């Protein structure tokens, strides 16, 4: 898995786990909602500052957004 794909999967996972919409996360992180959407789809990469803002808004460590998620058992 590429780092951009890892970020995309983790960002969506943590956002949904926090019960936030893309719009709410974007507002809390002070970034545009369409940028959150693009990050979750792996279309853009994020700067260190953006990772810091997103992780703070989600209440997690920034490194958690870059850790390879466990293999899914969903088919």
PDB file of N, CA and C in Angstrom:
ATOM      1  N   UNK A   1       0.845  -1.179   0.000  1.00  0.00           N
ATOM      2  CA  UNK A   1       0.000   0.000   0.000  1.00  0.00           C
ATOM      3  C   UNK A   1       0.892   1.243   0.000  1.00  0.00           C
ATOM      4  N   UNK A   2       0.594   2.198  -0.848  1.00  0.00           N
ATOM      5  CA  UNK A   2       1.349   3.447  -0.891  1.00  0.00           C
ATOM      6  C   UNK A   2       0.935   4.334   0.270  1.00  0.00           C
ATOM      7  N   UNK A   3       1.837   5.211   0.679  1.00  0.00           N
ATOM      8  CA  UNK A   3       1.581   6.086   1.818  1.00  0.00           C
ATOM      9  C   UNK A   3       0.333   6.947   1.613  1.00  0.00           C
ATOM     10  N   UNK A   4       0.109   7.401   0.401  1.00  0.00           N
ATOM     11  CA  UNK A   4      -1.079   8.201   0.109  1.00  0.00           C
ATOM     12  C   UNK A   4      -2.354   7.389   0.330  1.00  0.00           C
ATOM     13  N   UNK A   5      -2.325   6.108  -0.038  1.00  0.00           N
ATOM     14  CA  UNK A   5      -3.483   5.228   0.175  1.00  0.00           C
ATOM     15  C   UNK A   5      -3.689   4.943   1.659  1.00  0.00           C
ATOM     16  N   UNK A   6      -2.595   4.806   2.393  1.00  0.00           N
ATOM     17  CA  UNK A   6      -2.675   4.587   3.841  1.00  0.00           C
ATOM     18  C   UNK A   6      -3.317   5.792   4.509  1.00  0.00           C
ATOM     19  N   UNK A   7      -2.861   6.987   4.139  1.00  0.00           N
ATOM     20  CA  UNK A   7      -3.439   8.212   4.688  1.00  0.00           C
ATOM     21  C   UNK A   7      -4.927   8.279   4.363  1.00  0.00           C
ATOM     22  N   UNK A   8      -5.290   7.987   3.136  1.00  0.00           N
ATOM     23  CA  UNK A   8      -6.693   8.054   2.713  1.00  0.00           C
ATOM     24  C   UNK A   8      -7.562   7.125   3.561  1.00  0.00           C
ATOM     25  N   UNK A   9      -7.114   5.883   3.711  1.00  0.00           N
ATOM     26  CA  UNK A   9      -7.894   4.903   4.480  1.00  0.00           C
ATOM     27  C   UNK A   9      -7.993   5.297   5.946  1.00  0.00           C
ATOM     28  N   UNK A  10      -6.874   5.714   6.530  1.00  0.00           N
ATOM     29  CA  UNK A  10      -6.872   6.075   7.950  1.00  0.00           C
ATOM     30  C   UNK A  10      -7.677   7.336   8.219  1.00  0.00           C
ATOM     31  N   UNK A  11      -7.556   8.315   7.346  1.00  0.00           N
ATOM     32  CA  UNK A  11      -8.298   9.559   7.540  1.00  0.00           C
ATOM     33  C   UNK A  11      -9.795   9.284   7.554  1.00  0.00           C
ATOM     34  N   UNK A  12     -10.264   8.517   6.606  1.00  0.00           N
ATOM     35  CA  UNK A  12     -11.691   8.196   6.560  1.00  0.00           C
ATOM     36  C   UNK A  12     -12.102   7.367   7.777  1.00  0.00           C
ATOM     37  N   UNK A  13     -11.283   6.380   8.144  1.00  0.00           N
ATOM     38  CA  UNK A  13     -11.577   5.538   9.306  1.00  0.00           C
ATOM     39  C   UNK A  13     -11.726   6.379  10.574  1.00  0.00           C
ATOM     40  N   UNK A  14     -10.744   7.225  10.868  1.00  0.00           N
ATOM     41  CA  UNK A  14     -10.773   8.023  12.095  1.00  0.00           C
ATOM     42  C   UNK A  14     -11.882   9.076  12.061  1.00  0.00           C
ATOM     43  N   UNK A  15     -12.163   9.627  10.870  1.00  0.00           N
ATOM     44  CA  UNK A  15     -13.249  10.605  10.760  1.00  0.00           C
ATOM     45  C   UNK A  15     -14.584   9.951  11.070  1.00  0.00           C
ATOM     46  N   UNK A  16     -14.835   8.788  10.481  1.00  0.00           N
ATOM     47  CA  UNK A  16     -16.088   8.088  10.729  1.00  0.00           C
ATOM     48  C   UNK A  16     -16.180   7.610  12.177  1.00  0.00           C
ATOM     49  N   UNK A  17     -15.061   7.153  12.734  1.00  0.00           N
ATOM     50  CA  UNK A  17     -15.045   6.710  14.130  1.00  0.00           C
ATOM     51  C   UNK A  17     -15.373   7.865  15.078  1.00  0.00           C
ATOM     52  N   UNK A  18     -15.002   9.076  14.674  1.00  0.00           N
ATOM     53  CA  UNK A  18     -15.294  10.260  15.476  1.00  0.00           C
ATOM     54  C   UNK A  18     -16.701  10.785  15.214  1.00  0.00           C
ATOM     55  N   UNK A  19     -17.400  10.182  14.249  1.00  0.00           N
ATOM     56  CA  UNK A  19     -18.757  10.605  13.925  1.00  0.00           C
ATOM     57  C   UNK A  19     -18.817  11.960  13.245  1.00  0.00           C
ATOM     58  N   UNK A  20     -17.793  12.276  12.475  1.00  0.00           N
ATOM     59  CA  UNK A  20     -17.733  13.577  11.799  1.00  0.00           C
ATOM     60  C   UNK A  20     -17.985  13.449  10.313  1.00  0.00           C
ATOM     61  N   UNK A  21     -18.610  14.457   9.766  1.00  0.00           N
ATOM     62  CA  UNK A  21     -18.733  14.567   8.318  1.00  0.00           C
ATOM     63  C   UNK A  21     -17.428  15.172   7.790  1.00  0.00           C
ATOM     64  N   UNK A  22     -17.238  15.086   6.489  1.00  0.00           N
ATOM     65  CA  UNK A  22     -16.070  15.734   5.886  1.00  0.00           C
ATOM     66  C   UNK A  22     -16.109  17.236   6.149  1.00  0.00           C
ATOM     67  N   UNK A  23     -17.295  17.801   6.093  1.00  0.00           N
ATOM     68  CA  UNK A  23     -17.449  19.241   6.310  1.00  0.00           C
ATOM     69  C   UNK A  23     -17.046  19.633   7.731  1.00  0.00           C
ATOM     70  N   UNK A  24     -17.485  18.850   8.718  1.00  0.00           N
ATOM     71  CA  UNK A  24     -17.140  19.164  10.102  1.00  0.00           C
ATOM     72  C   UNK A  24     -15.636  19.029  10.332  1.00  0.00           C
ATOM     73  N   UNK A  25     -15.033  17.967   9.810  1.00  0.00           N
ATOM     74  CA  UNK A  25     -13.587  17.791   9.953  1.00  0.00           C
ATOM     75  C   UNK A  25     -12.846  18.949   9.296  1.00  0.00           C
ATOM     76  N   UNK A  26     -13.262  19.312   8.111  1.00  0.00           N
ATOM     77  CA  UNK A  26     -12.622  20.422   7.405  1.00  0.00           C
ATOM     78  C   UNK A  26     -12.714  21.710   8.215  1.00  0.00           C
ATOM     79  N   UNK A  27     -13.882  21.964   8.783  1.00  0.00           N
ATOM     80  CA  UNK A  27     -14.068  23.166   9.591  1.00  0.00           C
ATOM     81  C   UNK A  27     -13.131  23.156  10.803  1.00  0.00           C
ATOM     82  N   UNK A  28     -13.085  22.020  11.503  1.00  0.00           N
ATOM     83  CA  UNK A  28     -12.239  21.916  12.703  1.00  0.00           C
ATOM     84  C   UNK A  28     -10.754  22.007  12.367  1.00  0.00           C
ATOM     85  N   UNK A  29     -10.361  21.510  11.204  1.00  0.00           N
ATOM     86  CA  UNK A  29      -8.961  21.527  10.789  1.00  0.00           C
ATOM     87  C   UNK A  29      -8.604  22.791  10.006  1.00  0.00           C
ATOM     88  N   UNK A  30      -9.607  23.636   9.754  1.00  0.00           N
ATOM     89  CA  UNK A  30      -9.425  24.882   9.012  1.00  0.00           C
ATOM     90  C   UNK A  30      -8.868  24.642   7.602  1.00  0.00           C
ATOM     91  N   UNK A  31      -9.474  23.654   6.919  1.00  0.00           N
ATOM     92  CA  UNK A  31      -9.151  23.396   5.523  1.00  0.00           C
ATOM     93  C   UNK A  31     -10.464  23.236   4.754  1.00  0.00           C
ATOM     94  N   UNK A  32     -10.383  23.198   3.443  1.00  0.00           N
ATOM     95  CA  UNK A  32     -11.577  23.100   2.607  1.00  0.00           C
ATOM     96  C   UNK A  32     -12.133  21.678   2.595  1.00  0.00           C
ATOM     97  N   UNK A  33     -13.447  21.532   2.577  1.00  0.00           N
ATOM     98  CA  UNK A  33     -14.084  20.220   2.569  1.00  0.00           C
ATOM     99  C   UNK A  33     -13.691  19.411   1.340  1.00  0.00           C
ATOM    100  N   UNK A  34     -13.565  20.061   0.214  1.00  0.00           N
ATOM    101  CA  UNK A  34     -13.189  19.329  -0.999  1.00  0.00           C
ATOM    102  C   UNK A  34     -11.774  18.768  -0.892  1.00  0.00           C
ATOM    103  N   UNK A  35     -10.926  19.423  -0.109  1.00  0.00           N
ATOM    104  CA  UNK A  35      -9.566  18.925   0.117  1.00  0.00           C
ATOM    105  C   UNK A  35      -9.608  17.662   0.969  1.00  0.00           C
ATOM    106  N   UNK A  36     -10.469  17.647   1.993  1.00  0.00           N
ATOM    107  CA  UNK A  36     -10.644  16.442   2.816  1.00  0.00           C
ATOM    108  C   UNK A  36     -11.111  15.296   1.920  1.00  0.00           C
ATOM    109  N   UNK A  37     -12.083  15.559   1.071  1.00  0.00           N
ATOM    110  CA  UNK A  37     -12.592  14.548   0.150  1.00  0.00           C
ATOM    111  C   UNK A  37     -11.480  14.017  -0.749  1.00  0.00           C
ATOM    112  N   UNK A  38     -10.673  14.912  -1.283  1.00  0.00           N
ATOM    113  CA  UNK A  38      -9.581  14.506  -2.169  1.00  0.00           C
ATOM    114  C   UNK A  38      -8.529  13.689  -1.429  1.00  0.00           C
ATOM    115  N   UNK A  39      -8.256  14.055  -0.183  1.00  0.00           N
ATOM    116  CA  UNK A  39      -7.315  13.276   0.621  1.00  0.00           C
ATOM    117  C   UNK A  39      -7.850  11.877   0.869  1.00  0.00           C
ATOM    118  N   UNK A  40      -9.134  11.776   1.187  1.00  0.00           N
ATOM    119  CA  UNK A  40      -9.743  10.466   1.457  1.00  0.00           C
ATOM    120  C   UNK A  40      -9.810   9.590   0.214  1.00  0.00           C
ATOM    121  N   UNK A  41      -9.791  10.187  -0.945  1.00  0.00           N
ATOM    122  CA  UNK A  41      -9.800   9.427  -2.194  1.00  0.00           C
ATOM    123  C   UNK A  41      -8.387   9.194  -2.724  1.00  0.00           C
ATOM    124  N   UNK A  42      -7.384   9.704  -2.015  1.00  0.00           N
ATOM    125  CA  UNK A  42      -6.008   9.517  -2.430  1.00  0.00           C
ATOM    126  C   UNK A  42      -5.602  10.352  -3.622  1.00  0.00           C
ATOM    127  N   UNK A  43      -6.349  11.406  -3.898  1.00  0.00           N
ATOM    128  CA  UNK A  43      -6.063  12.254  -5.061  1.00  0.00           C
ATOM    129  C   UNK A  43      -4.954  13.265  -4.787  1.00  0.00           C
ATOM    130  N   UNK A  44      -4.843  13.704  -3.530  1.00  0.00           N
ATOM    131  CA  UNK A  44      -3.820  14.670  -3.130  1.00  0.00           C
ATOM    132  C   UNK A  44      -2.993  14.107  -1.999  1.00  0.00           C
ATOM    133  N   UNK A  45      -1.800  14.659  -1.859  1.00  0.00           N
ATOM    134  CA  UNK A  45      -0.986  14.352  -0.688  1.00  0.00           C
ATOM    135  C   UNK A  45      -1.144  15.522   0.285  1.00  0.00           C
ATOM    136  N   UNK A  46      -0.784  15.287   1.536  1.00  0.00           N
ATOM    137  CA  UNK A  46      -0.958  16.315   2.560  1.00  0.00           C
ATOM    138  C   UNK A  46       0.391  16.775   3.088  1.00  0.00           C
ATOM    139  N   UNK A  47       0.475  18.040   3.435  1.00  0.00           N
ATOM    140  CA  UNK A  47       1.690  18.563   4.053  1.00  0.00           C
ATOM    141  C   UNK A  47       1.720  18.149   5.524  1.00  0.00           C
ATOM    142  N   UNK A  48       2.860  18.308   6.137  1.00  0.00           N
ATOM    143  CA  UNK A  48       3.005  18.024   7.567  1.00  0.00           C
ATOM    144  C   UNK A  48       2.053  18.910   8.363  1.00  0.00           C
ATOM    145  N   UNK A  49       1.923  20.153   7.982  1.00  0.00           N
ATOM    146  CA  UNK A  49       1.018  21.070   8.683  1.00  0.00           C
ATOM    147  C   UNK A  49      -0.430  20.611   8.575  1.00  0.00           C
ATOM    148  N   UNK A  50      -0.816  20.118   7.400  1.00  0.00           N
ATOM    149  CA  UNK A  50      -2.174  19.619   7.213  1.00  0.00           C
ATOM    150  C   UNK A  50      -2.404  18.366   8.054  1.00  0.00           C
ATOM    151  N   UNK A  51      -1.434  17.459   8.076  1.00  0.00           N
ATOM    152  CA  UNK A  51      -1.543  16.265   8.918  1.00  0.00           C
ATOM    153  C   UNK A  51      -1.713  16.654  10.380  1.00  0.00           C
ATOM    154  N   UNK A  52      -0.967  17.649  10.812  1.00  0.00           N
ATOM    155  CA  UNK A  52      -1.068  18.117  12.192  1.00  0.00           C
ATOM    156  C   UNK A  52      -2.454  18.685  12.483  1.00  0.00           C
ATOM    157  N   UNK A  53      -2.998  19.465  11.572  1.00  0.00           N
ATOM    158  CA  UNK A  53      -4.327  20.046  11.747  1.00  0.00           C
ATOM    159  C   UNK A  53      -5.414  18.975  11.765  1.00  0.00           C
ATOM    160  N   UNK A  54      -5.313  18.018  10.848  1.00  0.00           N
ATOM    161  CA  UNK A  54      -6.305  16.945  10.782  1.00  0.00           C
ATOM    162  C   UNK A  54      -6.259  16.069  12.031  1.00  0.00           C
ATOM    163  N   UNK A  55      -5.061  15.706  12.451  1.00  0.00           N
ATOM    164  CA  UNK A  55      -4.943  14.841  13.631  1.00  0.00           C
ATOM    165  C   UNK A  55      -5.442  15.549  14.881  1.00  0.00           C
ATOM    166  N   UNK A  56      -5.159  16.839  15.014  1.00  0.00           N
ATOM    167  CA  UNK A  56      -5.655  17.602  16.163  1.00  0.00           C
ATOM    168  C   UNK A  56      -7.182  17.637  16.158  1.00  0.00           C
ATOM    169  N   UNK A  57      -7.759  17.834  14.979  1.00  0.00           N
ATOM    170  CA  UNK A  57      -9.219  17.882  14.867  1.00  0.00           C
ATOM    171  C   UNK A  57      -9.850  16.532  15.192  1.00  0.00           C
ATOM    172  N   UNK A  58      -9.119  15.456  14.906  1.00  0.00           N
ATOM    173  CA  UNK A  58      -9.620  14.114  15.176  1.00  0.00           C
ATOM    174  C   UNK A  58      -9.271  13.620  16.579  1.00  0.00           C
ATOM    175  N   UNK A  59      -8.393  14.350  17.261  1.00  0.00           N
ATOM    176  CA  UNK A  59      -7.991  13.963  18.611  1.00  0.00           C
ATOM    177  C   UNK A  59      -7.064  12.761  18.639  1.00  0.00           C
ATOM    178  N   UNK A  60      -6.217  12.641  17.623  1.00  0.00           N
ATOM    179  CA  UNK A  60      -5.272  11.533  17.538  1.00  0.00           C
ATOM    180  C   UNK A  60      -3.879  12.082  17.271  1.00  0.00           C
ATOM    181  N   UNK A  61      -2.872  11.221  17.383  1.00  0.00           N
ATOM    182  CA  UNK A  61      -1.508  11.585  17.016  1.00  0.00           C
ATOM    183  C   UNK A  61      -1.387  11.567  15.494  1.00  0.00           C
ATOM    184  N   UNK A  62      -0.629  12.493  14.936  1.00  0.00           N
ATOM    185  CA  UNK A  62      -0.471  12.565  13.479  1.00  0.00           C
ATOM    186  C   UNK A  62       0.069  11.253  12.909  1.00  0.00           C
ATOM    187  N   UNK A  63       0.941  10.588  13.642  1.00  0.00           N
ATOM    188  CA  UNK A  63       1.526   9.331  13.163  1.00  0.00           C
ATOM    189  C   UNK A  63       0.466   8.265  12.911  1.00  0.00           C
ATOM    190  N   UNK A  64      -0.643   8.318  13.631  1.00  0.00           N
ATOM    191  CA  UNK A  64      -1.708   7.336  13.444  1.00  0.00           C
ATOM    192  C   UNK A  64      -2.300   7.400  12.037  1.00  0.00           C
ATOM    193  N   UNK A  65      -2.202   8.534  11.395  1.00  0.00           N
ATOM    194  CA  UNK A  65      -2.725   8.681  10.037  1.00  0.00           C
ATOM    195  C   UNK A  65      -1.826   8.018   9.001  1.00  0.00           C
ATOM    196  N   UNK A  66      -0.595   7.669   9.411  1.00  0.00           N
ATOM    197  CA  UNK A  66       0.368   7.133   8.456  1.00  0.00           C
ATOM    198  C   UNK A  66       0.749   5.681   8.718  1.00  0.00           C
ATOM    199  N   UNK A  67       0.099   5.041   9.682  1.00  0.00           N
ATOM    200  CA  UNK A  67       0.391   3.654  10.015  1.00  0.00           C
ATOM    201  C   UNK A  67      -0.459   2.737   9.141  1.00  0.00           C
ATOM    202  N   UNK A  68       0.177   1.723   8.566  1.00  0.00           N
ATOM    203  CA  UNK A  68      -0.541   0.781   7.715  1.00  0.00           C
ATOM    204  C   UNK A  68      -1.662   0.123   8.521  1.00  0.00           C
ATOM    205  N   UNK A  69      -2.913   0.237   8.045  1.00  0.00           N
ATOM    206  CA  UNK A  69      -4.025  -0.373   8.767  1.00  0.00           C
ATOM    207  C   UNK A  69      -3.954  -1.894   8.673  1.00  0.00           C
ATOM    208  N   UNK A  70      -4.514  -2.585   9.667  1.00  0.00           N
ATOM    209  CA  UNK A  70      -4.527  -4.052   9.587  1.00  0.00           C
ATOM    210  C   UNK A  70      -5.345  -4.514   8.387  1.00  0.00           C
ATOM    211  N   UNK A  71      -5.000  -5.667   7.861  1.00  0.00           N
ATOM    212  CA  UNK A  71      -5.728  -6.214   6.715  1.00  0.00           C
ATOM    213  C   UNK A  71      -7.188  -6.414   7.082  1.00  0.00           C
ATOM    214  N   UNK A  72      -8.061  -6.025   6.194  1.00  0.00           N
ATOM    215  CA  UNK A  72      -9.492  -6.148   6.419  1.00  0.00           C
ATOM    216  C   UNK A  72      -9.952  -7.554   6.083  1.00  0.00           C
ATOM    217  N   UNK A  73     -10.879  -8.057   6.889  1.00  0.00           N
ATOM    218  CA  UNK A  73     -11.428  -9.394   6.616  1.00  0.00           C
ATOM    219  C   UNK A  73     -12.717  -9.306   5.813  1.00  0.00           C
ATOM    220  N   UNK A  74     -13.071  -8.084   5.399  1.00  0.00           N
ATOM    221  CA  UNK A  74     -14.276  -7.902   4.602  1.00  0.00           C
ATOM    222  C   UNK A  74     -14.027  -8.365   3.178  1.00  0.00           C
ATOM    223  N   UNK A  75     -15.023  -8.985   2.583  1.00  0.00           N
ATOM    224  CA  UNK A  75     -14.876  -9.454   1.200  1.00  0.00           C
ATOM    225  C   UNK A  75     -15.804  -8.714   0.284  1.00  0.00           C
TER     226      UNK A  75
END
